[in-house]
Amino acid sequence: MVRGLVTVPWKMQYLLERIKLLFTFLNLQIKHIYREANGLADFLASFAVKSEQYTVFSANTTLPSIGRLIMQQDVY
């Protein structure tokens, strides 16, 4: 069970347990962030869908100007 909400298929149980162990060991967390609070991720997802080529942004300075603006406005 994942937080008591969903039954995990037995084939995935081992993998899920390993992932949970890694999260505990590495002190990681998963959090849901609404689209409105993470505009850059939304922008990049839309950009990828519309793009006809493979693009890598290696730093925020390589983002399109609208992407940099959105990043500055994102709520942390």
Protein backbone atom coordinates (compact mmCIF):
# COMPACT_ATOMS: atom_id res chain seq x y z
CA MET A 1 0.00 0.00 0.00
CA VAL A 2 1.14 3.53 -0.75
CA ARG A 3 -0.14 5.70 2.10
CA GLY A 4 -3.00 3.26 2.39
CA LEU A 5 -4.58 4.48 -0.84
CA VAL A 6 -3.41 2.14 -3.58
CA THR A 7 -2.52 -1.53 -3.67
CA VAL A 8 0.73 -2.07 -5.52
CA PRO A 9 0.90 -5.04 -7.92
CA TRP A 10 3.12 -7.72 -6.39
CA LYS A 11 5.58 -7.49 -9.30
CA MET A 12 6.27 -3.88 -8.36
CA GLN A 13 6.36 -4.37 -4.60
CA TYR A 14 10.10 -5.14 -4.46
CA LEU A 15 10.94 -2.11 -6.61
CA LEU A 16 8.71 0.14 -4.52
CA GLU A 17 10.35 -1.05 -1.32
CA ARG A 18 13.82 -0.37 -2.77
CA ILE A 19 12.76 3.13 -3.81
CA LYS A 20 11.34 3.83 -0.36
CA LEU A 21 14.58 2.61 1.22
CA LEU A 22 16.64 4.89 -1.03
CA PHE A 23 14.43 7.85 -0.18
CA THR A 24 14.92 7.16 3.52
CA PHE A 25 18.67 6.60 3.18
CA LEU A 26 19.20 9.72 1.05
CA ASN A 27 16.67 11.81 2.99
CA LEU A 28 14.68 12.59 -0.17
CA GLN A 29 11.11 13.81 -0.44
CA ILE A 30 8.56 14.00 -3.22
CA LYS A 31 6.25 16.97 -3.15
CA HIS A 32 3.48 17.99 -5.48
CA ILE A 33 3.81 21.53 -6.73
CA TYR A 34 0.89 23.04 -8.58
CA ARG A 35 1.48 24.28 -12.09
CA GLU A 36 0.78 27.85 -11.02
CA ALA A 37 3.70 27.72 -8.59
CA ASN A 38 6.09 26.09 -11.05
CA GLY A 39 5.66 28.01 -14.25
CA LEU A 40 9.10 27.15 -15.56
CA ALA A 41 8.38 23.41 -15.54
CA ASP A 42 5.08 24.09 -17.30
CA PHE A 43 6.82 26.30 -19.85
CA LEU A 44 9.55 23.72 -20.51
CA ALA A 45 7.01 20.92 -20.91
CA SER A 46 5.05 22.99 -23.43
CA PHE A 47 8.28 23.97 -25.17
CA ALA A 48 9.29 20.32 -25.51
CA VAL A 49 5.93 19.31 -26.94
CA LYS A 50 6.01 22.09 -29.52
CA SER A 51 9.69 21.75 -30.39
CA GLU A 52 10.75 19.83 -33.45
CA GLN A 53 14.29 19.33 -32.22
CA TYR A 54 16.15 18.06 -29.18
CA THR A 55 17.14 21.01 -26.98
CA VAL A 56 19.34 21.11 -23.88
CA PHE A 57 19.42 24.13 -21.61
CA SER A 58 22.65 23.77 -19.66
CA ALA A 59 22.10 26.85 -17.51
CA ASN A 60 19.38 29.38 -16.85
CA THR A 61 21.23 31.80 -19.13
CA THR A 62 20.58 29.48 -22.08
CA LEU A 63 16.81 29.50 -21.56
CA PRO A 64 14.65 31.54 -23.91
CA SER A 65 14.06 35.00 -22.42
CA ILE A 66 10.43 34.16 -21.56
CA GLY A 67 11.68 31.11 -19.65
CA ARG A 68 14.07 33.25 -17.60
CA LEU A 69 11.27 35.69 -16.84
CA ILE A 70 8.96 32.88 -15.73
CA MET A 71 11.73 31.43 -13.55
CA GLN A 72 12.15 34.77 -11.79
CA GLN A 73 8.42 34.92 -11.09
CA ASP A 74 8.05 31.35 -9.80
CA VAL A 75 6.97 30.91 -6.20
CA TYR A 76 9.43 28.90 -4.13
